[in-house]
Amino acid sequence: MRGRIALVGLLCSLVLVPATRSGAQIALPPDPTGLVASPNVSLQGTLAGPGVIGARFQDGVMYVTGTSGLTTFDISNPAAPALLGALPLPHFENEDVDLAGDILLISNDAAESTGILYVIDISDPASPSLLSTTHMGGDPVSGGPGHTASCVLDCSFAWVTDGGGIRVIDLRDPAAPVTIGTFDTPVGGGVVTHDVQVDGDGLAWVVGFDGAAAYRLAPDYDGQGLGELVAVTDEASRSTYLEEIGLGDGSNPNDFIHHNSLRRGGDDVLFVTEEDYARPGCRGAGSFQSWTLPVDEEGNPTGAELSILDLWTTELLADLAQPAALCSAHYFDLRRNLVAQGWYEQGVRFLDVHDPGDIRQVGYFVPPTSATWAAYFAPTDPSGEIVYSLDFTRGIDVLRFDRPDTGPLSPTGRPCSPGTSKKQCAEEGSPTLIAPIRPEWLTAAPTAGAPSPAFGFACRIVA
């Protein structure tokens, strides 16, 4: 998300608020002031404090970036994260904090003030410290680098989004970063690149205005260029935003930008968030998508273009009214065929992707006054049930998704009833669900935020 949040405060102290799990009893009716959740999703507790943005995990520690800086948590007990330490570092907005080894990256977006890359020493997770600061330039009028900063080759280099390209910064000496240059991508469209994710095979996927592209980096990569281009999405991924200016029907796979991606090692599917908050209603305003990646017998991309398999959107459409909700999808995570997808004011949506050509919703968590920027599975939870929902207005909600005993989403992989088809097996374990539409989305008038003296941008969400 770029330039959409008007901030009037910084991240509060994070305090665990206990909640009693009672299975299906946690589900509440669609009351405008209460929680809406499917029977298989329960709230375990909340790390209260607005302003959280993104998170990464390493060696049993959760690293959370927020508007006040970096906060670390011990997640050895995944259902009850314990505060470890913090580094005050006011910034806005590094959406997708990244790390490798003893190095963590946070960037300040030039679109909000000026581009800055912070390199942080996390060798002691309880006492993170600032190792170096790189001023990258830019301003809110002309834009520039810093919306996201990603590690490549174990943080030997940072790839920072910079307009339609990627700015490469050498971090082989993290105390003295060296800017190498900014390089164009086939998906920036001359407008915007948004993020970089490294997949299970070490390919760096760049997503942006015109889709997604993958690069393979040689072991001796020195930061000159972006490596070998090995995959790119087809014509259907090209943004139609400049043609429609947000006034189309939202039927295209990319009405605004490809926002982030995830590919499992050796897999022939790329999962992508399409972000789109720039239209007057919710039809087509962001989706979760699957794209087929042509690969050889060893799972390597063949060079042929990716094509779309399926896309999924929530129940909230613009047919009935102009909703008072920010509708777009945002960051997601995947564990054992289950996706946990942050969906701004529509909370967390749980999607069955075992058949990527038929994405189904199998759970949901929609709190009131939410702004869910991301959802991540706890890597310390062997059951794959604990999920952290990073909510800009609430803090971190700790959720549990009760996986079925059988079928593709089960923790044990036990088979379904004899003779059932693939589709029947999935429905037997986790039936397709439709989330209720919160009444206030259809009755309250869309609001507008006041300009922020700190960041200069306006948005309807005020934290």
Protein backbone atom coordinates (compact mmCIF):
# COMPACT_ATOMS: atom_id res chain seq x y z
CA MET A 1 0.00 0.00 0.00
CA ARG A 2 1.42 3.39 -0.93
CA GLY A 3 0.49 6.72 0.59
CA ARG A 4 -2.91 5.60 1.84
CA ILE A 5 -2.71 5.80 5.63
CA ALA A 6 -3.01 9.02 7.61
CA LEU A 7 -1.15 8.47 10.85
CA VAL A 8 -1.80 10.44 14.00
CA GLY A 9 0.20 8.33 16.43
CA LEU A 10 2.94 5.76 16.82
CA LEU A 11 2.92 2.14 17.86
CA CYS A 12 1.80 1.63 21.46
CA SER A 13 3.29 -0.82 23.92
CA LEU A 14 2.44 -4.37 22.91
CA VAL A 15 0.59 -6.29 25.62
CA LEU A 16 -0.83 -9.79 25.28
CA VAL A 17 -4.55 -9.75 25.90
CA PRO A 18 -5.61 -13.32 26.72
CA ALA A 19 -8.61 -14.87 25.04
CA THR A 20 -10.28 -18.18 25.81
CA ARG A 21 -10.53 -20.61 22.95
CA SER A 22 -13.88 -22.35 22.76
CA GLY A 23 -13.79 -23.95 19.33
CA ALA A 24 -16.79 -23.03 17.22
CA GLN A 25 -18.18 -20.89 20.03
CA ILE A 26 -15.82 -18.06 19.11
CA ALA A 27 -17.87 -17.39 15.98
CA LEU A 28 -20.12 -14.40 16.53
CA PRO A 29 -23.05 -13.06 14.53
CA PRO A 30 -22.39 -10.22 12.08
CA ASP A 31 -22.85 -7.50 14.65
CA PRO A 32 -21.48 -4.09 13.56
CA THR A 33 -19.60 -3.77 16.85
CA GLY A 34 -18.44 -7.38 17.22
CA LEU A 35 -16.28 -10.06 15.71
CA VAL A 36 -17.26 -12.07 12.65
CA ALA A 37 -15.47 -15.42 12.34
CA SER A 38 -16.14 -18.80 10.80
CA PRO A 39 -16.63 -21.72 13.25
CA ASN A 40 -13.15 -23.10 12.46
CA VAL A 41 -11.32 -19.86 13.33
CA SER A 42 -10.79 -18.71 16.91
CA LEU A 43 -9.03 -15.74 18.48
CA GLN A 44 -6.30 -16.79 20.92
CA GLY A 45 -5.20 -13.33 22.00
CA THR A 46 -4.17 -9.89 20.79
CA LEU A 47 -0.86 -8.10 21.00
CA ALA A 48 -2.57 -4.75 21.33
CA GLY A 49 -1.16 -1.64 19.69
CA PRO A 50 -1.89 -0.04 16.33
CA GLY A 51 0.72 0.69 13.70
CA VAL A 52 2.02 -2.80 12.84
CA ILE A 53 2.95 -3.24 9.20
CA GLY A 54 4.90 -6.43 8.44
CA ALA A 55 6.77 -9.36 9.98
CA ARG A 56 9.50 -11.92 9.33
CA PHE A 57 10.55 -15.02 11.26
CA GLN A 58 13.87 -16.64 12.08
CA ASP A 59 15.05 -19.14 14.68
CA GLY A 60 11.91 -18.93 16.81
CA VAL A 61 11.73 -15.12 16.77
CA MET A 62 9.13 -12.88 15.11
CA TYR A 63 10.46 -9.53 13.89
CA VAL A 64 7.69 -6.95 13.49
CA THR A 65 8.08 -3.64 11.68
CA GLY A 66 5.72 -0.83 12.60
CA THR A 67 5.48 2.92 12.46
CA SER A 68 7.57 3.22 15.62
CA GLY A 69 10.29 0.81 14.55
CA LEU A 70 11.22 -2.82 15.10
CA THR A 71 9.79 -5.09 17.82
CA THR A 72 10.90 -8.67 18.46
CA PHE A 73 8.96 -11.58 20.02
CA ASP A 74 9.84 -15.05 21.24
CA ILE A 75 7.37 -17.41 19.54
CA SER A 76 8.60 -20.69 21.01
CA ASN A 77 5.01 -20.87 22.28
CA PRO A 78 3.33 -19.86 19.02
CA ALA A 79 -0.06 -19.15 20.61
CA ALA A 80 1.45 -16.70 23.12
CA PRO A 81 4.27 -14.55 21.68
CA ALA A 82 6.47 -12.99 24.35
CA LEU A 83 8.08 -9.58 23.95
CA LEU A 84 11.87 -9.72 23.57
CA GLY A 85 13.07 -6.26 22.58
CA ALA A 86 12.61 -3.21 20.40
CA LEU A 87 14.49 -0.66 18.34
CA PRO A 88 12.73 2.74 18.14
CA LEU A 89 12.86 3.75 14.49
CA PRO A 90 9.89 5.83 13.32
CA HIS A 91 9.30 5.26 9.62
CA PHE A 92 6.59 4.82 7.03
CA GLU A 93 6.17 2.50 5.34
CA ASN A 94 8.34 -0.59 4.93
CA GLU A 95 5.58 -3.01 4.08
CA ASP A 96 7.65 -6.13 3.86
CA VAL A 97 10.53 -6.27 6.36
CA ASP A 98 13.17 -8.82 5.33
CA LEU A 99 16.13 -10.55 6.97
CA ALA A 100 18.85 -13.16 6.65
CA GLY A 101 21.41 -14.24 9.21
CA ASP A 102 22.25 -11.33 11.51
CA ILE A 103 20.91 -8.63 9.16
CA LEU A 104 17.40 -7.14 8.94
CA LEU A 105 16.25 -4.46 6.49
CA ILE A 106 13.72 -1.68 7.06
CA SER A 107 13.19 1.09 4.53
CA ASN A 108 11.42 4.42 4.58
CA ASP A 109 9.35 5.14 1.48
CA ALA A 110 10.30 8.23 -0.54
CA ALA A 111 6.62 8.67 -1.41
CA GLU A 112 6.01 9.60 2.24
CA SER A 113 9.14 11.70 2.91
CA THR A 114 12.50 10.47 1.59
CA GLY A 115 13.97 7.07 0.80
CA ILE A 116 16.12 5.59 3.57
CA LEU A 117 17.48 2.05 4.00
CA TYR A 118 18.15 0.98 7.59
CA VAL A 119 20.40 -2.06 8.09
CA ILE A 120 19.82 -3.53 11.55
CA ASP A 121 21.99 -5.96 13.51
CA ILE A 122 19.79 -8.75 14.96
CA SER A 123 22.57 -11.00 16.26
CA ASP A 124 20.92 -10.45 19.65
CA PRO A 125 17.14 -10.51 18.96
CA ALA A 126 16.45 -9.02 22.38
CA SER A 127 18.61 -6.00 21.61
CA PRO A 128 18.51 -5.09 17.90
CA SER A 129 20.76 -2.19 16.93
CA LEU A 130 21.14 0.11 13.94
CA LEU A 131 24.18 -0.90 11.90
CA SER A 132 23.99 1.58 9.00
CA THR A 133 21.73 4.14 7.33
CA THR A 134 21.66 4.79 3.58
CA HIS A 135 19.87 7.88 2.28
CA MET A 136 18.46 7.01 -1.13
CA GLY A 137 16.75 10.30 -2.06
CA GLY A 138 13.32 10.93 -3.55
CA ASP A 139 10.36 12.86 -2.23
CA PRO A 140 6.53 12.67 -2.07
CA VAL A 141 6.15 14.69 -5.29
CA SER A 142 8.52 12.87 -7.62
CA GLY A 143 8.55 9.56 -5.71
CA GLY A 144 11.58 7.35 -5.41
CA PRO A 145 12.93 4.30 -3.60
CA GLY A 146 12.06 2.59 -0.35
CA HIS A 147 8.52 1.21 -0.46
CA THR A 148 9.94 -2.27 0.06
CA ALA A 149 13.48 -3.58 0.57
CA SER A 150 14.26 -7.26 0.10
CA CYS A 151 17.22 -9.52 0.81
CA VAL A 152 18.79 -11.46 -2.07
CA LEU A 153 21.58 -14.00 -1.69
CA ASP A 154 21.14 -14.07 2.09
CA CYS A 155 21.18 -10.29 2.37
CA SER A 156 24.45 -9.90 0.51
CA PHE A 157 22.42 -7.42 -1.53
CA ALA A 158 19.25 -5.40 -1.00
CA TRP A 159 16.78 -5.01 -3.85
CA VAL A 160 14.78 -1.85 -3.17
CA THR A 161 11.75 -0.89 -5.24
CA ASP A 162 12.40 2.39 -7.04
CA GLY A 163 9.73 3.65 -9.41
CA GLY A 164 9.47 1.20 -12.30
CA GLY A 165 12.81 -0.41 -11.45
CA ILE A 166 14.84 -2.09 -8.74
CA ARG A 167 17.66 -0.29 -6.91
CA VAL A 168 20.48 -2.66 -6.00
CA ILE A 169 22.54 -1.97 -2.87
CA ASP A 170 25.63 -4.01 -1.98
CA LEU A 171 25.47 -5.21 1.64
CA ARG A 172 28.47 -7.49 1.68
CA ASP A 173 29.81 -4.99 4.19
CA PRO A 174 26.51 -4.20 5.94
CA ALA A 175 28.09 -1.43 7.97
CA ALA A 176 28.99 0.41 4.74
CA PRO A 177 26.36 -0.25 2.03
CA VAL A 178 27.20 0.71 -1.56
CA THR A 179 24.52 1.73 -4.05
CA ILE A 180 25.22 0.04 -7.40
CA GLY A 181 22.39 1.31 -9.58
CA THR A 182 18.71 1.11 -10.52
CA PHE A 183 17.67 -1.42 -13.17
CA ASP A 184 14.49 -1.67 -15.20
CA THR A 185 12.22 -4.72 -15.09
CA PRO A 186 9.64 -5.97 -17.60
CA VAL A 187 6.92 -5.68 -14.95
CA GLY A 188 7.52 -2.13 -13.72
CA GLY A 189 5.80 -0.67 -16.75
CA GLY A 190 7.73 2.52 -16.17
CA VAL A 191 5.34 3.14 -13.28
CA VAL A 192 6.01 0.99 -10.22
CA THR A 193 7.68 -2.16 -8.99
CA HIS A 194 6.23 -3.20 -5.66
CA ASP A 195 8.09 -6.05 -4.02
CA VAL A 196 10.56 -8.91 -4.35
CA GLN A 197 10.13 -12.44 -2.97
CA VAL A 198 12.74 -15.20 -3.21
CA ASP A 199 11.08 -18.57 -3.86
CA GLY A 200 11.94 -22.06 -2.65
CA ASP A 201 14.42 -22.52 -5.51
CA GLY A 202 16.23 -19.23 -4.93
CA LEU A 203 14.58 -17.38 -7.83
CA ALA A 204 13.91 -13.69 -7.13
CA TRP A 205 10.37 -12.75 -8.18
CA VAL A 206 9.71 -9.07 -8.88
CA VAL A 207 6.07 -7.95 -8.94
CA GLY A 208 4.64 -4.64 -10.04
CA PHE A 209 2.47 -2.70 -12.43
CA ASP A 210 2.64 -5.20 -15.28
CA GLY A 211 2.73 -8.52 -13.46
CA ALA A 212 5.52 -10.75 -12.16
CA ALA A 213 8.97 -11.79 -13.38
CA ALA A 214 11.60 -14.19 -12.01
CA TYR A 215 15.39 -13.83 -12.03
CA ARG A 216 18.10 -16.40 -11.38
CA LEU A 217 21.25 -15.05 -9.74
CA ALA A 218 24.64 -16.62 -10.31
CA PRO A 219 26.71 -17.52 -7.22
CA ASP A 220 29.20 -14.81 -8.21
CA TYR A 221 26.49 -12.15 -8.67
CA ASP A 222 28.03 -8.73 -8.02
CA GLY A 223 24.91 -6.55 -8.19
CA GLN A 224 25.34 -5.49 -11.81
CA GLY A 225 21.83 -5.92 -13.24
CA LEU A 226 19.17 -8.30 -11.97
CA GLY A 227 20.54 -11.61 -13.16
CA GLU A 228 19.01 -13.94 -15.76
CA LEU A 229 15.32 -13.38 -16.55
CA VAL A 230 13.78 -16.88 -16.50
CA ALA A 231 10.01 -16.28 -16.27
CA VAL A 232 7.42 -13.55 -16.80
CA THR A 233 3.63 -13.42 -16.73
CA ASP A 234 1.72 -13.14 -20.00
CA GLU A 235 -0.28 -10.28 -21.51
CA ALA A 236 -3.20 -10.84 -19.13
CA SER A 237 -1.04 -9.56 -16.24
CA ARG A 238 -0.47 -6.11 -17.79
CA SER A 239 -2.18 -3.42 -15.74
CA THR A 240 -5.25 -1.73 -17.20
CA TYR A 241 -5.20 1.04 -14.63
CA LEU A 242 -3.98 3.82 -16.91
CA GLU A 243 -6.73 2.95 -19.38
CA GLU A 244 -9.51 2.78 -16.81
CA ILE A 245 -8.25 5.07 -13.98
CA GLY A 246 -10.06 2.80 -11.56
CA LEU A 247 -13.43 3.12 -13.32
CA GLY A 248 -13.51 -0.28 -15.07
CA ASP A 249 -15.58 -3.25 -13.98
CA GLY A 250 -12.65 -4.95 -12.27
CA SER A 251 -12.83 -8.05 -14.47
CA ASN A 252 -9.17 -7.98 -15.52
CA PRO A 253 -6.55 -10.05 -13.66
CA ASN A 254 -4.61 -6.84 -13.02
CA ASP A 255 -6.57 -3.60 -12.66
CA PHE A 256 -3.80 -1.91 -10.65
CA ILE A 257 -0.66 -3.81 -9.57
CA HIS A 258 0.68 -7.24 -8.70
CA HIS A 259 1.62 -6.72 -5.06
CA ASN A 260 3.47 -9.79 -3.73
CA SER A 261 4.00 -13.43 -4.65
CA LEU A 262 4.86 -16.89 -3.33
CA ARG A 263 6.16 -19.99 -5.09
CA ARG A 264 7.09 -23.25 -3.43
CA GLY A 265 10.32 -24.90 -4.55
CA GLY A 266 9.90 -26.96 -7.71
CA ASP A 267 6.23 -26.02 -8.02
CA ASP A 268 4.56 -25.10 -11.30
CA VAL A 269 2.26 -22.51 -9.68
CA LEU A 270 2.91 -18.91 -8.63
CA PHE A 271 0.46 -17.37 -6.17
CA VAL A 272 0.00 -13.59 -6.38
CA THR A 273 -1.87 -10.80 -4.63
CA GLU A 274 -3.41 -8.25 -6.96
CA GLU A 275 -3.80 -5.02 -5.01
CA ASP A 276 -6.43 -2.52 -6.10
CA TYR A 277 -7.81 0.11 -3.74
CA ALA A 278 -8.15 2.88 -6.33
CA ARG A 279 -11.73 2.41 -7.49
CA PRO A 280 -15.03 3.83 -6.18
CA GLY A 281 -16.45 0.42 -5.24
CA CYS A 282 -15.24 -3.07 -4.35
CA ARG A 283 -15.89 -4.98 -7.57
CA GLY A 284 -12.51 -6.16 -8.75
CA ALA A 285 -10.79 -4.28 -5.92
CA GLY A 286 -7.98 -6.73 -5.33
CA SER A 287 -7.83 -10.50 -5.65
CA PHE A 288 -5.82 -13.59 -4.76
CA GLN A 289 -4.56 -15.34 -7.90
CA SER A 290 -2.86 -18.52 -9.11
CA TRP A 291 -0.67 -18.55 -12.23
CA THR A 292 0.68 -21.64 -13.96
CA LEU A 293 4.46 -21.67 -14.45
CA PRO A 294 5.79 -23.92 -17.24
CA VAL A 295 8.64 -25.99 -15.74
CA ASP A 296 10.82 -28.87 -16.91
CA GLU A 297 11.13 -32.28 -15.24
CA GLU A 298 13.46 -30.83 -12.60
CA GLY A 299 11.07 -28.00 -11.73
CA ASN A 300 13.03 -25.26 -13.50
CA PRO A 301 11.15 -22.61 -15.52
CA THR A 302 11.23 -23.32 -19.25
CA GLY A 303 11.10 -19.64 -20.22
CA ALA A 304 7.49 -19.84 -21.43
CA GLU A 305 5.12 -17.20 -20.06
CA LEU A 306 2.93 -17.79 -17.01
CA SER A 307 -0.84 -17.79 -17.56
CA ILE A 308 -3.60 -17.29 -15.03
CA LEU A 309 -5.36 -20.31 -13.53
CA ASP A 310 -7.86 -18.78 -11.13
CA LEU A 311 -8.56 -15.67 -9.07
CA TRP A 312 -10.64 -15.27 -5.95
CA THR A 313 -12.30 -12.20 -4.49
CA THR A 314 -14.42 -11.67 -1.40
CA GLU A 315 -18.19 -11.43 -1.17
CA LEU A 316 -18.20 -7.65 -1.02
CA LEU A 317 -19.07 -6.26 -4.44
CA ALA A 318 -20.16 -2.86 -5.67
CA ASP A 319 -23.49 -4.07 -7.06
CA LEU A 320 -25.54 -3.07 -4.02
CA ALA A 321 -23.84 0.09 -2.83
CA GLN A 322 -20.55 1.88 -2.61
CA PRO A 323 -19.16 0.14 0.46
CA ALA A 324 -17.53 2.00 3.30
CA ALA A 325 -14.61 -0.42 3.32
CA LEU A 326 -11.11 -0.68 1.94
CA CYS A 327 -11.55 -3.81 -0.12
CA SER A 328 -8.19 -4.90 -1.47
CA ALA A 329 -6.15 -8.00 -0.78
CA HIS A 330 -2.66 -7.60 0.70
CA TYR A 331 0.10 -9.90 2.09
CA PHE A 332 -0.49 -13.65 2.52
CA ASP A 333 1.21 -16.86 3.61
CA LEU A 334 0.83 -20.53 2.63
CA ARG A 335 1.08 -23.69 4.69
CA ARG A 336 -0.02 -27.17 3.61
CA ASN A 337 -2.42 -26.07 0.88
CA LEU A 338 -3.98 -23.39 3.11
CA VAL A 339 -3.51 -19.69 2.41
CA ALA A 340 -4.00 -17.04 5.10
CA GLN A 341 -4.60 -13.78 3.22
CA GLY A 342 -4.71 -10.32 4.78
CA TRP A 343 -7.55 -8.34 3.21
CA TYR A 344 -7.46 -4.85 4.77
CA GLU A 345 -10.88 -4.06 6.30
CA GLN A 346 -12.18 -7.49 5.31
CA GLY A 347 -9.86 -9.21 7.78
CA VAL A 348 -8.16 -12.56 7.15
CA ARG A 349 -9.46 -14.97 4.54
CA PHE A 350 -8.46 -18.66 4.60
CA LEU A 351 -8.28 -20.24 1.14
CA ASP A 352 -7.88 -23.85 0.05
CA VAL A 353 -5.39 -23.90 -2.85
CA HIS A 354 -4.70 -27.63 -3.13
CA ASP A 355 -6.35 -27.33 -6.55
CA PRO A 356 -4.91 -24.00 -7.76
CA GLY A 357 -7.42 -23.90 -10.59
CA ASP A 358 -10.30 -23.85 -8.10
CA ILE A 359 -9.53 -21.58 -5.13
CA ARG A 360 -12.08 -21.91 -2.30
CA GLN A 361 -12.71 -19.95 0.90
CA VAL A 362 -12.74 -22.30 3.89
CA GLY A 363 -12.53 -19.81 6.78
CA TYR A 364 -12.59 -16.13 7.71
CA PHE A 365 -11.86 -13.70 10.55
CA VAL A 366 -13.33 -10.21 10.16
CA PRO A 367 -12.99 -7.96 13.21
CA PRO A 368 -14.58 -4.50 13.36
CA THR A 369 -12.50 -1.44 12.42
CA SER A 370 -9.75 -3.61 10.98
CA ALA A 371 -6.93 -2.85 8.56
CA THR A 372 -5.29 -6.24 8.08
CA TRP A 373 -2.05 -5.72 6.19
CA ALA A 374 -0.71 -9.26 6.43
CA ALA A 375 -1.32 -12.77 7.74
CA TYR A 376 1.44 -15.29 8.51
CA PHE A 377 1.53 -18.85 9.80
CA ALA A 378 3.66 -19.30 12.92
CA PRO A 379 6.72 -21.30 11.77
CA THR A 380 7.09 -22.73 15.29
CA ASP A 381 3.65 -24.37 15.15
CA PRO A 382 4.01 -27.89 13.72
CA SER A 383 0.25 -28.22 13.29
CA GLY A 384 0.11 -25.30 10.84
CA GLU A 385 -2.90 -23.85 12.66
CA ILE A 386 -1.60 -20.71 14.42
CA VAL A 387 -1.75 -17.55 12.31
CA TYR A 388 -0.64 -14.00 13.11
CA SER A 389 -2.90 -11.30 11.69
CA LEU A 390 -1.08 -7.97 11.47
CA ASP A 391 -3.74 -5.32 11.80
CA PHE A 392 -2.74 -1.67 11.51
CA THR A 393 -5.59 -0.55 13.76
CA ARG A 394 -5.63 -3.40 16.33
CA GLY A 395 -2.13 -4.85 16.64
CA ILE A 396 -1.40 -8.56 16.17
CA ASP A 397 -4.31 -10.96 16.47
CA VAL A 398 -3.22 -14.53 17.24
CA LEU A 399 -5.64 -16.86 15.45
CA ARG A 400 -6.15 -20.61 15.29
CA PHE A 401 -7.55 -22.30 12.20
CA ASP A 402 -8.87 -25.76 13.10
CA ARG A 403 -7.64 -27.98 10.30
CA PRO A 404 -9.90 -30.87 9.30
CA ASP A 405 -8.99 -34.45 10.23
CA THR A 406 -8.95 -35.59 6.61
CA GLY A 407 -8.35 -34.16 3.17
CA PRO A 408 -5.74 -31.89 1.62
CA LEU A 409 -5.82 -29.37 4.51
CA SER A 410 -5.40 -31.91 7.30
CA PRO A 411 -2.21 -31.80 9.39
CA THR A 412 -1.67 -35.55 8.96
CA GLY A 413 -2.68 -35.94 5.32
CA ARG A 414 -5.04 -38.81 6.17
CA PRO A 415 -7.23 -39.82 3.22
CA CYS A 416 -10.90 -39.02 2.88
CA SER A 417 -13.71 -41.55 2.63
CA PRO A 418 -13.11 -44.33 0.09
CA GLY A 419 -14.28 -43.54 -3.41
CA THR A 420 -14.51 -39.77 -2.99
CA SER A 421 -13.30 -37.53 -5.78
CA LYS A 422 -10.62 -34.86 -5.30
CA LYS A 423 -13.31 -32.18 -5.04
CA GLN A 424 -15.52 -34.26 -2.72
CA CYS A 425 -12.52 -35.01 -0.54
CA ALA A 426 -11.77 -31.31 -0.13
CA GLU A 427 -15.39 -30.43 0.65
CA GLU A 428 -15.60 -33.30 3.14
CA GLY A 429 -12.67 -31.92 5.09
CA SER A 430 -13.40 -28.17 4.77
CA PRO A 431 -16.58 -27.06 3.01
CA THR A 432 -16.66 -23.86 0.98
CA LEU A 433 -17.77 -20.93 3.14
CA ILE A 434 -19.28 -17.54 2.40
CA ALA A 435 -18.50 -14.80 4.89
CA PRO A 436 -21.25 -12.39 5.96
CA ILE A 437 -21.01 -8.78 4.84
CA ARG A 438 -20.71 -6.45 7.78
CA PRO A 439 -23.78 -4.17 7.81
CA GLU A 440 -21.74 -1.02 8.43
CA TRP A 441 -19.95 -1.55 5.11
CA LEU A 442 -23.21 -0.93 3.32
CA THR A 443 -24.82 1.65 5.59
CA ALA A 444 -21.95 3.94 6.60
CA ALA A 445 -20.81 6.56 4.14
CA PRO A 446 -17.26 6.17 2.83
CA THR A 447 -14.99 8.45 4.80
CA ALA A 448 -11.85 10.39 4.03
CA GLY A 449 -8.83 10.93 6.23
CA ALA A 450 -7.19 14.23 7.04
CA PRO A 451 -3.70 14.94 5.69
CA SER A 452 -0.99 13.77 8.05
CA PRO A 453 1.50 16.42 9.20
CA ALA A 454 4.09 13.65 9.53
CA PHE A 455 3.65 11.92 6.20
CA GLY A 456 1.67 14.25 3.98
CA PHE A 457 -0.84 11.77 2.63
CA ALA A 458 -4.55 11.22 3.31
CA CYS A 459 -6.59 8.07 3.66
CA ARG A 460 -9.92 6.94 5.01
CA ILE A 461 -8.24 4.86 7.72
CA VAL A 462 -6.93 6.79 10.70
CA ALA A 463 -4.93 4.97 13.34
